[in-house]
Amino acid sequence: MARRSRGRRGARARPARAAAAVLAVATAVASLSAVPARPALASPAHLVVGFNATSPALVSSAAAVGVTTDVLYAGAPATSSSLGRALLSAHMGVVDASISTDLFFWECHRTHTVALPPAGERNFYCRRDAEPTFTTAKLLSTVATALRADAVNPLVTGYWVLDDWASWDGGSARAVLQDIHGEIAAATPGLPAICGFGAAITAPGTAGWDASTGQNYSPQGCDMVGFYNYADAGRRASSGAGLDWSMRTLLPAMEGTLSSLGWSPTVSPLLGIGQAWSGRYAGGYEPGLSVAQIVAEAGAFCAGGATSIAWYGWTSGDFRRKTATPADSATIDAGITQAIATCRLAWSG
């Protein structure tokens, strides 16, 4: 999905595929010394979201291109921390994505115990059972502990609860996501649970979408839906020119799967999450990225019904020294700026 980190709360995590996510952002903060009460969340606003701006410098970079909400896999920082102060100064809310990391450990444990990969296939989801005691009870207990902290943190505006998933275990999180949704509603009423679903941007006429991953969706578990769609990394550098950044086949395929499970974008609004990094990545190269490609992807999301737009990401454990990101690439910054204008034009119509 949205490439993310796999770390524990407070630890640095590797990114995931998007992707992911948000509802209404916190209103302007009066001052650093007087933290306002958490605002009530009404209908979804047209938000601009960034993933993993994890330092004051990265928050500044994200704010400069218009980001209003920061998705953090390590969870929301204390308002007294340097990162918390930077977020307050930028009038930026936080979507706590640590629940998606907790859910990863739960699913990882399943894939080494009760939901093994098909015979002859390696476990590409997680090579080892990193948390062998991560039962459903422990998952919900861990989530409840995080929610108690978030309930008194005015930075928190929502939750990114679902990220990458094992393709052979589709639908296994549907029930537990509903349980998590209940915990969120009880601890932080009005804050949305955002479920992420990832796909690959591929050649025109094709859809890099595994419908089994969509089986985790239910209206009872997901207040919002985030589609995080990126090009697959390859062994050689590529401009991405042969890929369909307009997602003409991909988006209808994703929407069709979720619609068959009861999804309606008027009830669970869509957040479109675009690719915002290229070049050296993990052990290979991420295709792209030109201004036109960034604008084409975001424009397709917003013309296709996304009420908010996002980009992954400002940092990741798989980024390398020469990875181009919004923090250091004028091209990516220009693409995001033009894409925001394109989306605002679509929303105004």
Protein backbone atom coordinates (compact mmCIF):
# COMPACT_ATOMS: atom_id res chain seq x y z
CA MET A 1 0.00 0.00 0.00
CA ALA A 2 1.45 3.29 1.14
CA ARG A 3 4.99 2.33 1.83
CA ARG A 4 5.41 2.71 5.56
CA SER A 5 7.60 1.75 8.44
CA ARG A 6 7.13 -1.44 10.35
CA GLY A 7 8.46 -0.10 13.64
CA ARG A 8 6.85 -0.15 17.01
CA ARG A 9 5.24 2.94 18.49
CA GLY A 10 8.00 5.49 19.02
CA ALA A 11 10.38 3.54 16.79
CA ARG A 12 11.26 4.47 13.26
CA ALA A 13 9.29 2.44 10.75
CA ARG A 14 9.74 1.47 7.16
CA PRO A 15 7.12 3.00 4.86
CA ALA A 16 4.31 1.13 3.23
CA ARG A 17 2.46 1.51 0.07
CA ALA A 18 0.15 3.87 0.67
CA ALA A 19 -0.44 5.03 1.20
CA ALA A 20 -2.26 6.99 3.46
CA ALA A 21 -5.57 9.60 4.84
CA VAL A 22 -7.61 11.92 6.89
CA LEU A 23 -10.58 13.96 7.92
CA ALA A 24 -10.92 17.53 9.04
CA VAL A 25 -7.67 19.05 10.21
CA ALA A 26 -7.28 20.93 13.45
CA THR A 27 -8.22 24.59 13.17
CA ALA A 28 -5.57 27.29 13.48
CA VAL A 29 -3.62 27.15 16.71
CA ALA A 30 -3.53 30.38 18.65
CA SER A 31 -0.10 29.96 20.20
CA LEU A 32 2.43 27.36 21.20
CA SER A 33 1.85 27.99 24.88
CA ALA A 34 -1.93 27.67 24.72
CA VAL A 35 -2.98 24.46 23.00
CA PRO A 36 -6.61 24.64 21.83
CA ALA A 37 -9.22 21.99 22.53
CA ARG A 38 -9.66 19.39 19.80
CA PRO A 39 -12.10 20.72 17.18
CA ALA A 40 -15.27 18.84 16.38
CA LEU A 41 -15.08 17.05 13.05
CA ALA A 42 -17.84 17.80 10.62
CA SER A 43 -18.14 16.54 7.05
CA PRO A 44 -14.82 15.85 5.33
CA ALA A 45 -12.96 18.94 4.23
CA HIS A 46 -10.83 19.13 1.10
CA LEU A 47 -7.55 18.33 2.82
CA VAL A 48 -3.98 18.26 1.60
CA VAL A 49 -2.10 15.48 3.37
CA GLY A 50 1.52 14.44 3.68
CA PHE A 51 2.91 11.12 4.91
CA ASN A 52 5.77 10.88 7.36
CA ALA A 53 6.97 14.42 7.86
CA THR A 54 8.82 13.25 10.96
CA SER A 55 10.98 16.23 11.92
CA PRO A 56 10.52 19.99 12.27
CA ALA A 57 12.43 20.52 9.02
CA LEU A 58 10.20 18.07 7.15
CA VAL A 59 7.08 19.64 8.64
CA SER A 60 8.30 22.98 7.32
CA SER A 61 8.86 21.43 3.90
CA ALA A 62 5.37 19.92 3.87
CA ALA A 63 3.71 23.12 5.05
CA ALA A 64 5.48 25.10 2.32
CA VAL A 65 3.61 23.17 -0.40
CA GLY A 66 0.27 23.39 1.37
CA VAL A 67 0.05 20.23 3.49
CA THR A 68 -2.47 20.58 6.34
CA THR A 69 -2.30 17.08 7.87
CA ASP A 70 0.65 14.81 8.67
CA VAL A 71 0.26 11.01 8.75
CA LEU A 72 2.75 9.62 11.26
CA TYR A 73 3.42 5.89 11.64
CA ALA A 74 5.11 6.40 15.00
CA GLY A 75 1.97 8.05 16.35
CA ALA A 76 1.23 11.61 17.39
CA PRO A 77 4.04 13.42 19.22
CA ALA A 78 3.57 15.28 22.47
CA THR A 79 2.74 18.93 21.93
CA SER A 80 5.76 19.82 24.05
CA SER A 81 8.21 17.97 21.78
CA SER A 82 10.11 19.72 18.99
CA LEU A 83 8.00 17.90 16.39
CA GLY A 84 4.79 18.72 18.24
CA ARG A 85 5.72 22.38 18.43
CA ALA A 86 6.52 22.43 14.72
CA LEU A 87 3.14 20.89 13.89
CA LEU A 88 1.34 23.43 16.07
CA SER A 89 3.26 26.29 14.49
CA ALA A 90 2.30 25.01 11.03
CA HIS A 91 -1.35 24.60 12.08
CA MET A 92 -1.03 20.97 11.02
CA GLY A 93 -3.05 18.08 12.44
CA VAL A 94 -1.86 14.50 12.81
CA VAL A 95 -3.36 11.24 11.62
CA ASP A 96 -2.04 8.56 13.98
CA ALA A 97 -0.94 5.65 11.81
CA SER A 98 0.47 3.52 14.62
CA ILE A 99 -2.67 1.35 14.60
CA SER A 100 -1.81 0.19 11.08
CA THR A 101 1.61 -0.86 12.36
CA ASP A 102 0.00 -2.77 15.23
CA LEU A 103 -2.30 -4.46 12.72
CA PHE A 104 0.73 -5.38 10.63
CA PHE A 105 2.22 -7.29 13.57
CA TRP A 106 -1.11 -9.04 14.10
CA GLU A 107 -1.27 -10.12 10.46
CA CYS A 108 2.42 -11.03 10.41
CA HIS A 109 1.78 -13.40 13.31
CA ARG A 110 -1.16 -14.91 11.42
CA THR A 111 0.95 -15.55 8.31
CA HIS A 112 3.38 -17.59 10.42
CA THR A 113 0.70 -19.54 12.29
CA VAL A 114 -2.88 -19.86 10.98
CA ALA A 115 -2.64 -18.20 7.54
CA LEU A 116 0.51 -19.54 5.95
CA PRO A 117 1.43 -18.56 2.38
CA PRO A 118 0.35 -20.95 -0.38
CA ALA A 119 2.54 -24.01 -0.72
CA GLY A 120 5.82 -23.21 -2.45
CA GLU A 121 5.55 -19.45 -1.94
CA ARG A 122 7.73 -17.47 0.42
CA ASN A 123 6.22 -15.11 2.95
CA PHE A 124 6.86 -11.79 1.24
CA TYR A 125 4.62 -10.01 3.75
CA CYS A 126 6.99 -10.57 6.68
CA ARG A 127 9.93 -12.94 6.70
CA ARG A 128 9.75 -13.72 10.41
CA ASP A 129 7.13 -13.59 13.14
CA ALA A 130 8.34 -10.34 14.66
CA GLU A 131 5.74 -10.33 17.45
CA PRO A 132 4.81 -13.97 18.19
CA THR A 133 2.53 -12.97 21.08
CA PHE A 134 0.50 -10.49 19.02
CA THR A 135 -2.93 -12.07 19.42
CA THR A 136 -6.22 -10.26 18.81
CA ALA A 137 -6.48 -9.52 22.53
CA LYS A 138 -3.01 -7.96 22.56
CA LEU A 139 -3.79 -5.97 19.42
CA LEU A 140 -6.92 -4.43 20.94
CA SER A 141 -5.14 -3.78 24.24
CA THR A 142 -2.30 -2.01 22.42
CA VAL A 143 -4.77 0.07 20.42
CA ALA A 144 -6.67 1.02 23.57
CA THR A 145 -3.47 2.24 25.23
CA ALA A 146 -2.65 4.42 22.22
CA LEU A 147 -6.16 5.84 22.12
CA ARG A 148 -6.00 6.90 25.76
CA ALA A 149 -2.97 9.03 24.94
CA ASP A 150 -4.54 10.40 21.77
CA ALA A 151 -7.72 11.36 23.62
CA VAL A 152 -5.85 14.16 25.38
CA ASN A 153 -3.61 15.14 22.46
CA PRO A 154 -5.15 18.01 20.46
CA LEU A 155 -2.94 17.29 17.45
CA VAL A 156 -4.79 14.06 16.62
CA THR A 157 -7.47 14.38 13.93
CA GLY A 158 -7.87 10.79 12.76
CA TYR A 159 -6.40 7.31 12.42
CA TRP A 160 -4.76 5.42 9.57
CA VAL A 161 -5.76 1.90 10.57
CA LEU A 162 -5.02 -0.34 7.57
CA ASP A 163 -2.00 -0.55 5.29
CA ASP A 164 -0.30 -3.31 3.24
CA TRP A 165 -1.85 -6.77 3.49
CA ALA A 166 -0.98 -10.38 2.69
CA SER A 167 -2.64 -11.17 -0.63
CA TRP A 168 -3.41 -14.79 0.37
CA ASP A 169 -5.28 -13.69 3.53
CA GLY A 170 -7.80 -11.26 2.10
CA GLY A 171 -10.62 -10.21 4.40
CA SER A 172 -8.96 -11.45 7.58
CA ALA A 173 -8.93 -7.96 9.12
CA ARG A 174 -12.56 -7.05 8.41
CA ALA A 175 -13.92 -8.08 11.81
CA VAL A 176 -11.02 -6.78 13.88
CA LEU A 177 -11.15 -3.43 12.04
CA GLN A 178 -14.75 -3.14 13.20
CA ASP A 179 -13.57 -3.82 16.76
CA ILE A 180 -10.88 -1.15 16.39
CA HIS A 181 -13.48 1.27 15.01
CA GLY A 182 -15.54 0.70 18.14
CA GLU A 183 -12.53 1.45 20.33
CA ILE A 184 -11.86 4.68 18.40
CA ALA A 185 -15.49 5.79 18.64
CA ALA A 186 -15.50 5.21 22.40
CA ALA A 187 -12.17 6.89 23.16
CA THR A 188 -12.11 9.73 20.61
CA PRO A 189 -15.66 10.26 19.31
CA GLY A 190 -15.87 11.87 15.89
CA LEU A 191 -12.34 11.03 14.74
CA PRO A 192 -12.30 8.88 11.59
CA ALA A 193 -10.75 5.49 10.98
CA ILE A 194 -9.10 5.58 7.55
CA CYS A 195 -8.51 2.30 5.73
CA GLY A 196 -5.77 2.23 3.10
CA PHE A 197 -5.77 0.09 -0.05
CA GLY A 198 -2.75 0.04 -2.35
CA ALA A 199 -2.22 -0.75 -6.00
CA ALA A 200 0.48 -0.42 -8.65
CA ILE A 201 0.50 2.09 -11.49
CA THR A 202 1.11 -0.01 -14.59
CA ALA A 203 0.89 0.20 -18.37
CA PRO A 204 -2.21 1.68 -20.05
CA GLY A 205 -5.14 -0.73 -20.17
CA THR A 206 -3.96 -2.73 -17.15
CA ALA A 207 -4.71 -2.57 -13.43
CA GLY A 208 -2.09 -3.45 -10.82
CA TRP A 209 -4.78 -4.22 -8.25
CA ASP A 210 -5.27 -7.36 -6.20
CA ALA A 211 -8.98 -7.43 -5.36
CA SER A 212 -8.37 -9.74 -2.40
CA THR A 213 -6.79 -6.90 -0.44
CA GLY A 214 -10.04 -4.95 -0.76
CA GLN A 215 -11.88 -7.65 1.17
CA ASN A 216 -10.86 -6.00 4.45
CA TYR A 217 -13.26 -3.14 3.74
CA SER A 218 -16.56 -2.72 5.52
CA PRO A 219 -18.65 0.40 6.20
CA GLN A 220 -18.56 -0.54 9.89
CA GLY A 221 -14.76 -0.51 10.01
CA CYS A 222 -13.77 2.35 7.71
CA ASP A 223 -14.97 5.96 7.96
CA MET A 224 -12.72 6.96 5.08
CA VAL A 225 -10.89 5.09 2.34
CA GLY A 226 -7.39 5.89 1.10
CA PHE A 227 -6.16 4.63 -2.28
CA TYR A 228 -2.35 4.73 -2.41
CA ASN A 229 -1.13 3.98 -5.91
CA TYR A 230 2.55 3.99 -6.85
CA ALA A 231 4.74 2.60 -9.58
CA ASP A 232 6.56 -0.61 -8.69
CA ALA A 233 10.29 -0.26 -8.12
CA GLY A 234 12.59 -1.90 -10.65
CA ARG A 235 16.22 -2.86 -10.98
CA ARG A 236 17.06 0.05 -13.27
CA ALA A 237 16.26 3.74 -13.25
CA SER A 238 13.15 4.58 -15.28
CA SER A 239 11.32 7.74 -16.25
CA GLY A 240 7.96 5.99 -15.82
CA ALA A 241 6.93 7.26 -19.26
CA GLY A 242 5.26 3.98 -20.20
CA LEU A 243 2.94 3.95 -17.18
CA ASP A 244 -0.65 5.16 -17.02
CA TRP A 245 -0.51 7.85 -14.35
CA SER A 246 -4.14 8.74 -15.15
CA MET A 247 -5.15 5.29 -13.77
CA ARG A 248 -8.01 4.96 -16.27
CA THR A 249 -8.28 1.22 -15.78
CA LEU A 250 -6.96 1.04 -12.22
CA LEU A 251 -9.33 3.39 -10.39
CA PRO A 252 -12.55 1.77 -11.70
CA ALA A 253 -11.17 -1.65 -10.70
CA MET A 254 -10.45 -0.51 -7.14
CA GLU A 255 -13.75 1.31 -6.80
CA GLY A 256 -15.63 -1.69 -8.18
CA THR A 257 -14.18 -4.05 -5.59
CA LEU A 258 -15.02 -1.81 -2.66
CA SER A 259 -18.45 -0.93 -4.03
CA SER A 260 -19.30 -4.63 -4.13
CA LEU A 261 -18.59 -4.68 -0.38
CA GLY A 262 -20.90 -1.76 0.40
CA TRP A 263 -18.58 1.20 -0.11
CA SER A 264 -20.10 4.53 -1.07
CA PRO A 265 -17.81 7.56 -1.39
CA THR A 266 -20.62 9.76 -0.09
CA VAL A 267 -20.52 7.80 3.19
CA SER A 268 -16.82 6.85 3.37
CA PRO A 269 -15.01 9.66 1.51
CA LEU A 270 -12.05 8.87 -0.72
CA LEU A 271 -8.54 10.15 -0.05
CA GLY A 272 -6.26 9.87 -3.10
CA ILE A 273 -2.61 9.25 -2.21
CA GLY A 274 -0.06 9.89 -4.92
CA GLN A 275 3.60 9.02 -5.37
CA ALA A 276 6.04 11.73 -4.30
CA TRP A 277 9.43 10.04 -4.42
CA SER A 278 11.60 8.57 -7.17
CA GLY A 279 15.10 7.33 -7.93
CA ARG A 280 17.06 5.10 -5.59
CA TYR A 281 14.69 3.16 -3.37
CA ALA A 282 15.34 0.12 -1.17
CA GLY A 283 17.34 -2.23 -3.38
CA GLY A 284 16.22 -0.74 -6.69
CA TYR A 285 14.80 2.33 -8.39
CA GLU A 286 11.38 3.98 -8.17
CA PRO A 287 10.16 5.14 -11.62
CA GLY A 288 9.45 8.79 -12.45
CA LEU A 289 8.88 11.44 -11.39
CA SER A 290 7.89 14.45 -13.51
CA VAL A 291 5.56 17.36 -12.83
CA ALA A 292 3.17 16.03 -15.47
CA GLN A 293 3.05 12.59 -13.85
CA ILE A 294 2.31 14.02 -10.39
CA VAL A 295 -0.43 16.26 -11.78
CA ALA A 296 -1.94 13.46 -13.88
CA GLU A 297 -2.24 11.12 -10.89
CA ALA A 298 -3.68 13.69 -8.51
CA GLY A 299 -6.01 15.04 -11.19
CA ALA A 300 -7.35 11.55 -11.82
CA PHE A 301 -8.01 11.04 -8.12
CA CYS A 302 -9.84 14.35 -7.70
CA ALA A 303 -11.81 14.09 -10.94
CA GLY A 304 -12.72 10.55 -9.89
CA GLY A 305 -14.30 11.56 -6.60
CA ALA A 306 -11.47 11.97 -4.08
CA THR A 307 -12.45 14.74 -1.66
CA SER A 308 -8.91 15.04 -0.28
CA ILE A 309 -5.46 14.50 -1.75
CA ALA A 310 -2.21 13.22 -0.24
CA TRP A 311 1.35 12.32 -1.11
CA TYR A 312 3.76 9.70 0.16
CA GLY A 313 6.17 10.64 1.40
CA TRP A 314 8.60 12.91 3.17
CA THR A 315 10.70 10.13 4.63
CA SER A 316 10.92 6.34 4.71
CA GLY A 317 13.25 3.69 5.99
CA ASP A 318 13.67 2.52 2.39
CA PHE A 319 14.71 5.91 1.01
CA ARG A 320 18.37 6.24 0.07
CA ARG A 321 20.73 9.20 -0.06
CA LYS A 322 19.84 9.88 -3.69
CA THR A 323 16.08 9.33 -3.39
CA ALA A 324 14.21 12.39 -4.67
CA THR A 325 11.54 13.55 -2.20
CA PRO A 326 9.40 16.66 -1.64
CA ALA A 327 12.02 17.81 0.88
CA ASP A 328 14.81 18.06 -1.70
CA SER A 329 13.31 17.98 -5.21
CA ALA A 330 12.13 21.17 -6.88
CA THR A 331 10.39 19.04 -9.52
CA ILE A 332 8.34 17.11 -6.97
CA ASP A 333 7.48 20.32 -5.12
CA ALA A 334 6.34 21.95 -8.35
CA GLY A 335 4.28 18.88 -9.22
CA ILE A 336 2.52 18.89 -5.85
CA THR A 337 1.83 22.63 -6.09
CA GLN A 338 0.29 22.27 -9.56
CA ALA A 339 -1.61 19.14 -8.51
CA ILE A 340 -3.19 20.93 -5.55
CA ALA A 341 -4.39 23.67 -7.90
CA THR A 342 -5.79 21.02 -10.26
CA CYS A 343 -7.70 19.35 -7.43
CA ARG A 344 -9.07 22.62 -6.12
CA LEU A 345 -10.38 23.38 -9.60
CA ALA A 346 -12.06 19.95 -9.72
CA TRP A 347 -13.56 20.45 -6.24
CA SER A 348 -14.88 23.91 -7.10
CA GLY A 349 -16.89 22.49 -10.01
